[in-house]
């Protein structure tokens, strides 16, 4: 699954838990009719994926949705979800690559072709 949008927040890497697990969070504002601010976690070696991005970059993030159960001290089960990112790429650069590939292939958009019989 992928989410596309603009990076709103990029947090520094933090150690969480007793085992030294590394976690880094980013907030992505989705690119849709009703934009949503979505918190995405990058865990372990995936934390470094955010190093080359800045707030304001438009990106496409591949995600996994994780769910877990926790039982509180009163014995009530509670459920939590998290969104974990595992790949990120710039939308601007992928659009530029597609455009360049089209130009090199000699692709001309139909609306620019004046030789059409209709």
PDB file of N, CA and C in Angstrom:
ATOM      1  N   UNK A   1       0.847  -1.163   0.000  1.00  0.00           N
ATOM      2  CA  UNK A   1       0.000   0.000   0.000  1.00  0.00           C
ATOM      3  C   UNK A   1       0.901   1.238   0.000  1.00  0.00           C
ATOM      4  N   UNK A   2       0.453   2.294  -0.651  1.00  0.00           N
ATOM      5  CA  UNK A   2       1.240   3.518  -0.721  1.00  0.00           C
ATOM      6  C   UNK A   2       0.414   4.728  -0.299  1.00  0.00           C
ATOM      7  N   UNK A   3       1.100   5.716   0.240  1.00  0.00           N
ATOM      8  CA  UNK A   3       0.509   7.014   0.540  1.00  0.00           C
ATOM      9  C   UNK A   3       1.335   8.072  -0.180  1.00  0.00           C
ATOM     10  N   UNK A   4       0.646   9.004  -0.821  1.00  0.00           N
ATOM     11  CA  UNK A   4       1.319  10.056  -1.558  1.00  0.00           C
ATOM     12  C   UNK A   4       0.905  11.396  -0.963  1.00  0.00           C
ATOM     13  N   UNK A   5       1.879  12.300  -0.811  1.00  0.00           N
ATOM     14  CA  UNK A   5       1.566  13.604  -0.270  1.00  0.00           C
ATOM     15  C   UNK A   5       2.817  14.404   0.018  1.00  0.00           C
ATOM     16  N   UNK A   6       2.663  15.389   0.894  1.00  0.00           N
ATOM     17  CA  UNK A   6       3.744  16.313   1.230  1.00  0.00           C
ATOM     18  C   UNK A   6       4.207  16.073   2.667  1.00  0.00           C
ATOM     19  N   UNK A   7       5.521  16.005   2.853  1.00  0.00           N
ATOM     20  CA  UNK A   7       6.056  15.831   4.203  1.00  0.00           C
ATOM     21  C   UNK A   7       5.814  17.100   5.006  1.00  0.00           C
ATOM     22  N   UNK A   8       5.150  16.953   6.128  1.00  0.00           N
ATOM     23  CA  UNK A   8       4.821  18.084   7.002  1.00  0.00           C
ATOM     24  C   UNK A   8       5.773  18.165   8.193  1.00  0.00           C
ATOM     25  N   UNK A   9       6.162  17.005   8.713  1.00  0.00           N
ATOM     26  CA  UNK A   9       7.044  16.915   9.881  1.00  0.00           C
ATOM     27  C   UNK A   9       7.994  15.743   9.672  1.00  0.00           C
ATOM     28  N   UNK A  10       9.264  15.939  10.030  1.00  0.00           N
ATOM     29  CA  UNK A  10      10.230  14.831  10.070  1.00  0.00           C
ATOM     30  C   UNK A  10      10.933  14.920  11.418  1.00  0.00           C
ATOM     31  N   UNK A  11      10.708  13.934  12.264  1.00  0.00           N
ATOM     32  CA  UNK A  11      11.294  13.911  13.602  1.00  0.00           C
ATOM     33  C   UNK A  11      12.685  13.270  13.561  1.00  0.00           C
ATOM     34  N   UNK A  12      13.522  13.591  14.544  1.00  0.00           N
ATOM     35  CA  UNK A  12      14.816  12.907  14.633  1.00  0.00           C
ATOM     36  C   UNK A  12      14.617  11.453  15.095  1.00  0.00           C
ATOM     37  N   UNK A  13      15.613  10.633  14.854  1.00  0.00           N
ATOM     38  CA  UNK A  13      15.577   9.234  15.279  1.00  0.00           C
ATOM     39  C   UNK A  13      15.664   9.166  16.805  1.00  0.00           C
ATOM     40  N   UNK A  14      14.843   8.280  17.397  1.00  0.00           N
ATOM     41  CA  UNK A  14      14.824   8.093  18.851  1.00  0.00           C
ATOM     42  C   UNK A  14      14.991   6.620  19.173  1.00  0.00           C
ATOM     43  N   UNK A  15      15.583   6.343  20.328  1.00  0.00           N
ATOM     44  CA  UNK A  15      15.621   4.968  20.831  1.00  0.00           C
ATOM     45  C   UNK A  15      14.409   4.773  21.724  1.00  0.00           C
ATOM     46  N   UNK A  16      13.695   3.678  21.494  1.00  0.00           N
ATOM     47  CA  UNK A  16      12.502   3.382  22.280  1.00  0.00           C
ATOM     48  C   UNK A  16      12.625   1.978  22.865  1.00  0.00           C
ATOM     49  N   UNK A  17      12.067   1.802  24.023  1.00  0.00           N
ATOM     50  CA  UNK A  17      12.092   0.489  24.661  1.00  0.00           C
ATOM     51  C   UNK A  17      13.425   0.155  25.286  1.00  0.00           C
ATOM     52  N   UNK A  18      13.457  -1.003  25.928  1.00  0.00           N
ATOM     53  CA  UNK A  18      14.642  -1.447  26.654  1.00  0.00           C
ATOM     54  C   UNK A  18      15.688  -2.097  25.745  1.00  0.00           C
ATOM     55  N   UNK A  19      15.257  -2.523  24.554  1.00  0.00           N
ATOM     56  CA  UNK A  19      16.173  -3.252  23.679  1.00  0.00           C
ATOM     57  C   UNK A  19      16.885  -2.356  22.663  1.00  0.00           C
ATOM     58  N   UNK A  20      16.750  -1.039  22.783  1.00  0.00           N
ATOM     59  CA  UNK A  20      17.458  -0.115  21.889  1.00  0.00           C
ATOM     60  C   UNK A  20      16.868   0.001  20.496  1.00  0.00           C
ATOM     61  N   UNK A  21      15.594  -0.322  20.335  1.00  0.00           N
ATOM     62  CA  UNK A  21      14.927  -0.205  19.050  1.00  0.00           C
ATOM     63  C   UNK A  21      14.923   1.264  18.611  1.00  0.00           C
ATOM     64  N   UNK A  22      15.261   1.509  17.351  1.00  0.00           N
ATOM     65  CA  UNK A  22      15.265   2.873  16.822  1.00  0.00           C
ATOM     66  C   UNK A  22      13.982   3.115  16.045  1.00  0.00           C
ATOM     67  N   UNK A  23      13.462   4.345  16.201  1.00  0.00           N
ATOM     68  CA  UNK A  23      12.207   4.707  15.555  1.00  0.00           C
ATOM     69  C   UNK A  23      12.288   6.171  15.130  1.00  0.00           C
ATOM     70  N   UNK A  24      11.738   6.455  13.957  1.00  0.00           N
ATOM     71  CA  UNK A  24      11.688   7.835  13.463  1.00  0.00           C
ATOM     72  C   UNK A  24      10.301   8.060  12.887  1.00  0.00           C
ATOM     73  N   UNK A  25       9.710   9.190  13.213  1.00  0.00           N
ATOM     74  CA  UNK A  25       8.353   9.475  12.773  1.00  0.00           C
ATOM     75  C   UNK A  25       8.332  10.636  11.789  1.00  0.00           C
ATOM     76  N   UNK A  26       7.406  10.548  10.852  1.00  0.00           N
ATOM     77  CA  UNK A  26       7.175  11.619   9.890  1.00  0.00           C
ATOM     78  C   UNK A  26       5.670  11.792   9.742  1.00  0.00           C
ATOM     79  N   UNK A  27       5.246  13.013   9.456  1.00  0.00           N
ATOM     80  CA  UNK A  27       3.837  13.282   9.199  1.00  0.00           C
ATOM     81  C   UNK A  27       3.718  13.645   7.724  1.00  0.00           C
ATOM     82  N   UNK A  28       2.811  12.948   7.041  1.00  0.00           N
ATOM     83  CA  UNK A  28       2.563  13.167   5.627  1.00  0.00           C
ATOM     84  C   UNK A  28       1.162  13.746   5.470  1.00  0.00           C
ATOM     85  N   UNK A  29       1.044  14.863   4.758  1.00  0.00           N
ATOM     86  CA  UNK A  29      -0.268  15.413   4.422  1.00  0.00           C
ATOM     87  C   UNK A  29      -0.646  14.828   3.072  1.00  0.00           C
ATOM     88  N   UNK A  30      -1.719  14.022   3.065  1.00  0.00           N
ATOM     89  CA  UNK A  30      -2.099  13.303   1.849  1.00  0.00           C
ATOM     90  C   UNK A  30      -2.555  14.259   0.762  1.00  0.00           C
ATOM     91  N   UNK A  31      -2.470  13.771  -0.458  1.00  0.00           N
ATOM     92  CA  UNK A  31      -2.782  14.549  -1.651  1.00  0.00           C
ATOM     93  C   UNK A  31      -4.128  14.059  -2.183  1.00  0.00           C
ATOM     94  N   UNK A  32      -5.228  14.540  -1.591  1.00  0.00           N
ATOM     95  CA  UNK A  32      -6.564  14.109  -1.992  1.00  0.00           C
ATOM     96  C   UNK A  32      -7.561  15.229  -1.720  1.00  0.00           C
ATOM     97  N   UNK A  33      -8.823  15.007  -2.036  1.00  0.00           N
ATOM     98  CA  UNK A  33      -9.826  16.053  -1.878  1.00  0.00           C
ATOM     99  C   UNK A  33      -9.913  16.547  -0.430  1.00  0.00           C
ATOM    100  N   UNK A  34      -9.855  15.639   0.516  1.00  0.00           N
ATOM    101  CA  UNK A  34      -9.873  15.996   1.938  1.00  0.00           C
ATOM    102  C   UNK A  34      -8.554  15.538   2.549  1.00  0.00           C
ATOM    103  N   UNK A  35      -7.503  16.376   2.484  1.00  0.00           N
ATOM    104  CA  UNK A  35      -6.169  15.968   2.956  1.00  0.00           C
ATOM    105  C   UNK A  35      -6.176  15.551   4.420  1.00  0.00           C
ATOM    106  N   UNK A  36      -5.381  14.541   4.706  1.00  0.00           N
ATOM    107  CA  UNK A  36      -5.237  14.018   6.055  1.00  0.00           C
ATOM    108  C   UNK A  36      -3.774  14.106   6.466  1.00  0.00           C
ATOM    109  N   UNK A  37      -3.520  14.422   7.725  1.00  0.00           N
ATOM    110  CA  UNK A  37      -2.170  14.375   8.272  1.00  0.00           C
ATOM    111  C   UNK A  37      -1.986  12.997   8.898  1.00  0.00           C
ATOM    112  N   UNK A  38      -1.103  12.194   8.304  1.00  0.00           N
ATOM    113  CA  UNK A  38      -0.922  10.803   8.710  1.00  0.00           C
ATOM    114  C   UNK A  38       0.468  10.620   9.312  1.00  0.00           C
ATOM    115  N   UNK A  39       0.515  10.083  10.531  1.00  0.00           N
ATOM    116  CA  UNK A  39       1.775   9.777  11.199  1.00  0.00           C
ATOM    117  C   UNK A  39       2.289   8.434  10.688  1.00  0.00           C
ATOM    118  N   UNK A  40       3.539   8.427  10.201  1.00  0.00           N
ATOM    119  CA  UNK A  40       4.151   7.202   9.679  1.00  0.00           C
ATOM    120  C   UNK A  40       5.437   6.957  10.448  1.00  0.00           C
ATOM    121  N   UNK A  41       5.606   5.725  10.936  1.00  0.00           N
ATOM    122  CA  UNK A  41       6.805   5.338  11.680  1.00  0.00           C
ATOM    123  C   UNK A  41       7.779   4.631  10.758  1.00  0.00           C
ATOM    124  N   UNK A  42       9.058   4.926  10.934  1.00  0.00           N
ATOM    125  CA  UNK A  42      10.127   4.194  10.263  1.00  0.00           C
ATOM    126  C   UNK A  42      10.924   3.527  11.374  1.00  0.00           C
ATOM    127  N   UNK A  43      11.101   2.216  11.299  1.00  0.00           N
ATOM    128  CA  UNK A  43      11.686   1.430  12.377  1.00  0.00           C
ATOM    129  C   UNK A  43      13.050   0.864  11.961  1.00  0.00           C
ATOM    130  N   UNK A  44      13.989   0.838  12.916  1.00  0.00           N
ATOM    131  CA  UNK A  44      15.302   0.211  12.695  1.00  0.00           C
ATOM    132  C   UNK A  44      16.091   0.887  11.593  1.00  0.00           C
ATOM    133  N   UNK A  45      16.595   0.077  10.658  1.00  0.00           N
ATOM    134  CA  UNK A  45      17.421   0.623   9.574  1.00  0.00           C
ATOM    135  C   UNK A  45      16.622   1.481   8.598  1.00  0.00           C
ATOM    136  N   UNK A  46      15.311   1.430   8.642  1.00  0.00           N
ATOM    137  CA  UNK A  46      14.462   2.247   7.766  1.00  0.00           C
ATOM    138  C   UNK A  46      14.451   3.718   8.189  1.00  0.00           C
ATOM    139  N   UNK A  47      14.923   4.031   9.396  1.00  0.00           N
ATOM    140  CA  UNK A  47      14.998   5.425   9.870  1.00  0.00           C
ATOM    141  C   UNK A  47      15.831   6.289   8.928  1.00  0.00           C
ATOM    142  N   UNK A  48      16.881   5.719   8.383  1.00  0.00           N
ATOM    143  CA  UNK A  48      17.799   6.458   7.507  1.00  0.00           C
ATOM    144  C   UNK A  48      17.158   6.847   6.178  1.00  0.00           C
ATOM    145  N   UNK A  49      16.045   6.210   5.811  1.00  0.00           N
ATOM    146  CA  UNK A  49      15.393   6.541   4.547  1.00  0.00           C
ATOM    147  C   UNK A  49      14.959   8.007   4.487  1.00  0.00           C
ATOM    148  N   UNK A  50      14.680   8.599   5.636  1.00  0.00           N
ATOM    149  CA  UNK A  50      14.203   9.984   5.674  1.00  0.00           C
ATOM    150  C   UNK A  50      15.321  11.010   5.584  1.00  0.00           C
ATOM    151  N   UNK A  51      16.573  10.572   5.683  1.00  0.00           N
ATOM    152  CA  UNK A  51      17.706  11.502   5.726  1.00  0.00           C
ATOM    153  C   UNK A  51      17.789  12.443   4.532  1.00  0.00           C
ATOM    154  N   UNK A  52      17.422  11.980   3.344  1.00  0.00           N
ATOM    155  CA  UNK A  52      17.587  12.830   2.161  1.00  0.00           C
ATOM    156  C   UNK A  52      16.348  13.662   1.824  1.00  0.00           C
ATOM    157  N   UNK A  53      15.356  13.660   2.708  1.00  0.00           N
ATOM    158  CA  UNK A  53      14.127  14.420   2.467  1.00  0.00           C
ATOM    159  C   UNK A  53      13.989  15.569   3.450  1.00  0.00           C
ATOM    160  N   UNK A  54      13.233  16.582   3.021  1.00  0.00           N
ATOM    161  CA  UNK A  54      12.982  17.756   3.856  1.00  0.00           C
ATOM    162  C   UNK A  54      11.485  17.997   3.940  1.00  0.00           C
ATOM    163  N   UNK A  55      11.086  18.744   4.954  1.00  0.00           N
ATOM    164  CA  UNK A  55       9.700  19.166   5.069  1.00  0.00           C
ATOM    165  C   UNK A  55       9.345  19.932   3.797  1.00  0.00           C
ATOM    166  N   UNK A  56       8.189  19.627   3.227  1.00  0.00           N
ATOM    167  CA  UNK A  56       7.747  20.279   2.000  1.00  0.00           C
ATOM    168  C   UNK A  56       7.944  19.437   0.748  1.00  0.00           C
ATOM    169  N   UNK A  57       8.781  18.380   0.838  1.00  0.00           N
ATOM    170  CA  UNK A  57       8.976  17.494  -0.317  1.00  0.00           C
ATOM    171  C   UNK A  57       7.702  16.685  -0.565  1.00  0.00           C
ATOM    172  N   UNK A  58       7.380  16.480  -1.840  1.00  0.00           N
ATOM    173  CA  UNK A  58       6.264  15.620  -2.215  1.00  0.00           C
ATOM    174  C   UNK A  58       6.822  14.222  -2.441  1.00  0.00           C
ATOM    175  N   UNK A  59       6.250  13.245  -1.735  1.00  0.00           N
ATOM    176  CA  UNK A  59       6.795  11.894  -1.752  1.00  0.00           C
ATOM    177  C   UNK A  59       5.697  10.845  -1.879  1.00  0.00           C
ATOM    178  N   UNK A  60       6.132   9.647  -2.202  1.00  0.00           N
ATOM    179  CA  UNK A  60       5.279   8.467  -2.243  1.00  0.00           C
ATOM    180  C   UNK A  60       5.910   7.464  -1.273  1.00  0.00           C
ATOM    181  N   UNK A  61       5.174   7.087  -0.223  1.00  0.00           N
ATOM    182  CA  UNK A  61       5.701   6.212   0.817  1.00  0.00           C
ATOM    183  C   UNK A  61       4.979   4.869   0.773  1.00  0.00           C
ATOM    184  N   UNK A  62       5.756   3.793   0.685  1.00  0.00           N
ATOM    185  CA  UNK A  62       5.196   2.444   0.774  1.00  0.00           C
ATOM    186  C   UNK A  62       5.049   2.109   2.253  1.00  0.00           C
ATOM    187  N   UNK A  63       3.874   1.618   2.633  1.00  0.00           N
ATOM    188  CA  UNK A  63       3.573   1.399   4.054  1.00  0.00           C
ATOM    189  C   UNK A  63       3.017  -0.003   4.308  1.00  0.00           C
ATOM    190  N   UNK A  64       3.114  -0.394   5.567  1.00  0.00           N
ATOM    191  CA  UNK A  64       2.410  -1.559   6.115  1.00  0.00           C
ATOM    192  C   UNK A  64       1.611  -1.060   7.300  1.00  0.00           C
ATOM    193  N   UNK A  65       0.418  -1.583   7.465  1.00  0.00           N
ATOM    194  CA  UNK A  65      -0.411  -1.250   8.629  1.00  0.00           C
ATOM    195  C   UNK A  65      -0.245  -2.374   9.635  1.00  0.00           C
ATOM    196  N   UNK A  66       0.103  -2.010  10.856  1.00  0.00           N
ATOM    197  CA  UNK A  66       0.323  -2.979  11.928  1.00  0.00           C
ATOM    198  C   UNK A  66      -0.738  -2.780  13.006  1.00  0.00           C
ATOM    199  N   UNK A  67      -1.185  -3.868  13.596  1.00  0.00           N
ATOM    200  CA  UNK A  67      -2.157  -3.824  14.685  1.00  0.00           C
ATOM    201  C   UNK A  67      -1.688  -4.691  15.831  1.00  0.00           C
ATOM    202  N   UNK A  68      -2.044  -4.290  17.041  1.00  0.00           N
ATOM    203  CA  UNK A  68      -1.662  -5.089  18.213  1.00  0.00           C
ATOM    204  C   UNK A  68      -2.685  -4.900  19.330  1.00  0.00           C
ATOM    205  N   UNK A  69      -2.723  -5.864  20.210  1.00  0.00           N
ATOM    206  CA  UNK A  69      -3.626  -5.828  21.354  1.00  0.00           C
ATOM    207  C   UNK A  69      -2.805  -5.624  22.624  1.00  0.00           C
ATOM    208  N   UNK A  70      -3.356  -4.874  23.558  1.00  0.00           N
ATOM    209  CA  UNK A  70      -2.747  -4.664  24.860  1.00  0.00           C
ATOM    210  C   UNK A  70      -3.847  -4.800  25.906  1.00  0.00           C
ATOM    211  N   UNK A  71      -3.554  -5.504  26.978  1.00  0.00           N
ATOM    212  CA  UNK A  71      -4.523  -5.659  28.063  1.00  0.00           C
ATOM    213  C   UNK A  71      -4.135  -4.717  29.190  1.00  0.00           C
ATOM    214  N   UNK A  72      -5.060  -3.813  29.546  1.00  0.00           N
ATOM    215  CA  UNK A  72      -4.766  -2.840  30.602  1.00  0.00           C
ATOM    216  C   UNK A  72      -4.825  -3.514  31.973  1.00  0.00           C
ATOM    217  N   UNK A  73      -4.393  -2.825  33.027  1.00  0.00           N
ATOM    218  CA  UNK A  73      -4.371  -3.430  34.373  1.00  0.00           C
ATOM    219  C   UNK A  73      -5.734  -3.922  34.869  1.00  0.00           C
ATOM    220  N   UNK A  74      -6.800  -3.383  34.315  1.00  0.00           N
ATOM    221  CA  UNK A  74      -8.145  -3.832  34.720  1.00  0.00           C
ATOM    222  C   UNK A  74      -8.605  -5.047  33.910  1.00  0.00           C
ATOM    223  N   UNK A  75      -7.758  -5.535  32.995  1.00  0.00           N
ATOM    224  CA  UNK A  75      -8.095  -6.710  32.214  1.00  0.00           C
ATOM    225  C   UNK A  75      -8.857  -6.412  30.933  1.00  0.00           C
ATOM    226  N   UNK A  76      -8.967  -5.137  30.559  1.00  0.00           N
ATOM    227  CA  UNK A  76      -9.684  -4.762  29.354  1.00  0.00           C
ATOM    228  C   UNK A  76      -8.706  -4.753  28.170  1.00  0.00           C
ATOM    229  N   UNK A  77      -9.094  -5.445  27.106  1.00  0.00           N
ATOM    230  CA  UNK A  77      -8.259  -5.481  25.906  1.00  0.00           C
ATOM    231  C   UNK A  77      -8.435  -4.189  25.116  1.00  0.00           C
ATOM    232  N   UNK A  78      -7.321  -3.631  24.686  1.00  0.00           N
ATOM    233  CA  UNK A  78      -7.333  -2.430  23.853  1.00  0.00           C
ATOM    234  C   UNK A  78      -6.527  -2.738  22.607  1.00  0.00           C
ATOM    235  N   UNK A  79      -6.945  -2.154  21.501  1.00  0.00           N
ATOM    236  CA  UNK A  79      -6.292  -2.401  20.223  1.00  0.00           C
ATOM    237  C   UNK A  79      -5.692  -1.110  19.681  1.00  0.00           C
ATOM    238  N   UNK A  80      -4.502  -1.230  19.107  1.00  0.00           N
ATOM    239  CA  UNK A  80      -3.780  -0.089  18.564  1.00  0.00           C
ATOM    240  C   UNK A  80      -3.325  -0.407  17.153  1.00  0.00           C
ATOM    241  N   UNK A  81      -3.260   0.622  16.342  1.00  0.00           N
ATOM    242  CA  UNK A  81      -2.762   0.492  14.976  1.00  0.00           C
ATOM    243  C   UNK A  81      -1.575   1.423  14.788  1.00  0.00           C
ATOM    244  N   UNK A  82      -0.675   1.037  13.909  1.00  0.00           N
ATOM    245  CA  UNK A  82       0.418   1.919  13.520  1.00  0.00           C
ATOM    246  C   UNK A  82       0.659   1.743  12.027  1.00  0.00           C
ATOM    247  N   UNK A  83       1.218   2.776  11.437  1.00  0.00           N
ATOM    248  CA  UNK A  83       1.549   2.752  10.018  1.00  0.00           C
ATOM    249  C   UNK A  83       3.065   2.815   9.916  1.00  0.00           C
ATOM    250  N   UNK A  84       3.652   1.800   9.310  1.00  0.00           N
ATOM    251  CA  UNK A  84       5.114   1.735   9.202  1.00  0.00           C
ATOM    252  C   UNK A  84       5.543   1.901   7.751  1.00  0.00           C
ATOM    253  N   UNK A  85       6.461   2.839   7.542  1.00  0.00           N
ATOM    254  CA  UNK A  85       7.012   3.062   6.212  1.00  0.00           C
ATOM    255  C   UNK A  85       8.203   2.158   5.975  1.00  0.00           C
ATOM    256  N   UNK A  86       8.339   1.659   4.749  1.00  0.00           N
ATOM    257  CA  UNK A  86       9.483   0.805   4.426  1.00  0.00           C
ATOM    258  C   UNK A  86      10.182   1.227   3.136  1.00  0.00           C
ATOM    259  N   UNK A  87       9.585   2.171   2.413  1.00  0.00           N
ATOM    260  CA  UNK A  87      10.236   2.740   1.223  1.00  0.00           C
ATOM    261  C   UNK A  87       9.661   4.131   1.002  1.00  0.00           C
ATOM    262  N   UNK A  88      10.503   5.046   0.515  1.00  0.00           N
ATOM    263  CA  UNK A  88      10.057   6.403   0.222  1.00  0.00           C
ATOM    264  C   UNK A  88      10.772   6.876  -1.031  1.00  0.00           C
ATOM    265  N   UNK A  89      10.018   7.547  -1.899  1.00  0.00           N
ATOM    266  CA  UNK A  89      10.642   8.110  -3.089  1.00  0.00           C
ATOM    267  C   UNK A  89      10.003   9.449  -3.410  1.00  0.00           C
ATOM    268  N   UNK A  90      10.793  10.306  -3.998  1.00  0.00           N
ATOM    269  CA  UNK A  90      10.336  11.637  -4.362  1.00  0.00           C
ATOM    270  C   UNK A  90       9.399  11.543  -5.556  1.00  0.00           C
ATOM    271  N   UNK A  91       8.272  12.215  -5.477  1.00  0.00           N
ATOM    272  CA  UNK A  91       7.323  12.223  -6.583  1.00  0.00           C
ATOM    273  C   UNK A  91       7.858  13.089  -7.711  1.00  0.00           C
ATOM    274  N   UNK A  92       8.506  14.199  -7.378  1.00  0.00           N
ATOM    275  CA  UNK A  92       9.037  15.098  -8.405  1.00  0.00           C
ATOM    276  C   UNK A  92      10.035  14.375  -9.296  1.00  0.00           C
ATOM    277  N   UNK A  93      10.957  13.619  -8.707  1.00  0.00           N
ATOM    278  CA  UNK A  93      11.985  12.959  -9.508  1.00  0.00           C
ATOM    279  C   UNK A  93      11.385  11.840 -10.358  1.00  0.00           C
ATOM    280  N   UNK A  94      10.394  11.125  -9.849  1.00  0.00           N
ATOM    281  CA  UNK A  94       9.803  10.054 -10.648  1.00  0.00           C
ATOM    282  C   UNK A  94       8.994  10.632 -11.800  1.00  0.00           C
ATOM    283  N   UNK A  95       8.364  11.805 -11.612  1.00  0.00           N
ATOM    284  CA  UNK A  95       7.646  12.446 -12.713  1.00  0.00           C
ATOM    285  C   UNK A  95       8.624  12.949 -13.764  1.00  0.00           C
ATOM    286  N   UNK A  96       9.756  13.471 -13.327  1.00  0.00           N
ATOM    287  CA  UNK A  96      10.768  13.956 -14.264  1.00  0.00           C
ATOM    288  C   UNK A  96      11.342  12.808 -15.085  1.00  0.00           C
ATOM    289  N   UNK A  97      11.554  11.650 -14.458  1.00  0.00           N
ATOM    290  CA  UNK A  97      12.082  10.481 -15.162  1.00  0.00           C
ATOM    291  C   UNK A  97      11.080  10.007 -16.217  1.00  0.00           C
ATOM    292  N   UNK A  98       9.791   9.980 -15.867  1.00  0.00           N
ATOM    293  CA  UNK A  98       8.770   9.563 -16.829  1.00  0.00           C
ATOM    294  C   UNK A  98       8.710  10.520 -18.009  1.00  0.00           C
ATOM    295  N   UNK A  99       8.797  11.818 -17.743  1.00  0.00           N
ATOM    296  CA  UNK A  99       8.768  12.822 -18.794  1.00  0.00           C
ATOM    297  C   UNK A  99       9.971  12.682 -19.721  1.00  0.00           C
ATOM    298  N   UNK A 100      11.143  12.478 -19.135  1.00  0.00           N
ATOM    299  CA  UNK A 100      12.359  12.311 -19.926  1.00  0.00           C
ATOM    300  C   UNK A 100      12.269  11.051 -20.781  1.00  0.00           C
ATOM    301  N   UNK A 101      11.756   9.963 -20.225  1.00  0.00           N
ATOM    302  CA  UNK A 101      11.616   8.715 -20.971  1.00  0.00           C
ATOM    303  C   UNK A 101      10.662   8.897 -22.151  1.00  0.00           C
ATOM    304  N   UNK A 102       9.585   9.666 -21.952  1.00  0.00           N
ATOM    305  CA  UNK A 102       8.633   9.929 -23.026  1.00  0.00           C
ATOM    306  C   UNK A 102       9.296  10.731 -24.142  1.00  0.00           C
ATOM    307  N   UNK A 103      10.081  11.741 -23.767  1.00  0.00           N
ATOM    308  CA  UNK A 103      10.762  12.576 -24.758  1.00  0.00           C
ATOM    309  C   UNK A 103      11.768  11.746 -25.556  1.00  0.00           C
ATOM    310  N   UNK A 104      12.513  10.881 -24.867  1.00  0.00           N
ATOM    311  CA  UNK A 104      13.516  10.068 -25.541  1.00  0.00           C
ATOM    312  C   UNK A 104      12.875   9.039 -26.464  1.00  0.00           C
ATOM    313  N   UNK A 105      11.687   8.576 -26.102  1.00  0.00           N
ATOM    314  CA  UNK A 105      10.987   7.594 -26.922  1.00  0.00           C
ATOM    315  C   UNK A 105      10.277   8.256 -28.096  1.00  0.00           C
ATOM    316  N   UNK A 106      10.301   9.572 -28.131  1.00  0.00           N
ATOM    317  CA  UNK A 106       9.652  10.298 -29.219  1.00  0.00           C
ATOM    318  C   UNK A 106       8.159  10.382 -29.057  1.00  0.00           C
ATOM    319  N   UNK A 107       7.690  10.170 -27.841  1.00  0.00           N
ATOM    320  CA  UNK A 107       6.258  10.232 -27.574  1.00  0.00           C
ATOM    321  C   UNK A 107       5.744  11.661 -27.667  1.00  0.00           C
ATOM    322  N   UNK A 108       4.747  11.867 -28.503  1.00  0.00           N
ATOM    323  CA  UNK A 108       4.130  13.184 -28.636  1.00  0.00           C
ATOM    324  C   UNK A 108       2.698  13.059 -28.154  1.00  0.00           C
ATOM    325  N   UNK A 109       2.298  13.896 -27.211  1.00  0.00           N
ATOM    326  CA  UNK A 109       0.909  13.828 -26.757  1.00  0.00           C
ATOM    327  C   UNK A 109      -0.052  14.048 -27.927  1.00  0.00           C
ATOM    328  N   UNK A 110      -1.200  13.356 -27.923  1.00  0.00           N
ATOM    329  CA  UNK A 110      -2.147  13.441 -29.028  1.00  0.00           C
ATOM    330  C   UNK A 110      -2.634  14.848 -29.282  1.00  0.00           C
ATOM    331  N   UNK A 111      -2.834  15.659 -28.255  1.00  0.00           N
ATOM    332  CA  UNK A 111      -3.368  16.988 -28.466  1.00  0.00           C
ATOM    333  C   UNK A 111      -2.389  17.891 -29.212  1.00  0.00           C
ATOM    334  N   UNK A 112      -1.117  17.520 -29.289  1.00  0.00           N
ATOM    335  CA  UNK A 112      -0.124  18.314 -30.006  1.00  0.00           C
ATOM    336  C   UNK A 112       0.050  17.858 -31.447  1.00  0.00           C
ATOM    337  N   UNK A 113      -0.588  16.782 -31.838  1.00  0.00           N
ATOM    338  CA  UNK A 113      -0.430  16.244 -33.170  1.00  0.00           C
ATOM    339  C   UNK A 113      -1.478  16.869 -34.102  1.00  0.00           C
ATOM    340  N   UNK A 114      -1.049  17.758 -35.015  1.00  0.00           N
ATOM    341  CA  UNK A 114      -1.955  18.459 -35.925  1.00  0.00           C
ATOM    342  C   UNK A 114      -2.304  17.643 -37.166  1.00  0.00           C
ATOM    343  N   UNK A 115      -1.718  16.479 -37.344  1.00  0.00           N
ATOM    344  CA  UNK A 115      -1.948  15.671 -38.530  1.00  0.00           C
ATOM    345  C   UNK A 115      -3.164  14.762 -38.414  1.00  0.00           C
ATOM    346  N   UNK A 116      -3.912  14.858 -37.335  1.00  0.00           N
ATOM    347  CA  UNK A 116      -5.063  13.996 -37.150  1.00  0.00           C
ATOM    348  C   UNK A 116      -6.160  14.372 -38.136  1.00  0.00           C
ATOM    349  N   UNK A 117      -6.864  13.373 -38.728  1.00  0.00           N
ATOM    350  CA  UNK A 117      -7.876  13.657 -39.748  1.00  0.00           C
ATOM    351  C   UNK A 117      -9.180  14.202 -39.173  1.00  0.00           C
ATOM    352  N   UNK A 118      -9.333  14.332 -37.910  1.00  0.00           N
ATOM    353  CA  UNK A 118     -10.594  14.822 -37.351  1.00  0.00           C
ATOM    354  C   UNK A 118     -10.381  15.944 -36.399  1.00  0.00           C
TER     355      UNK A 118
END
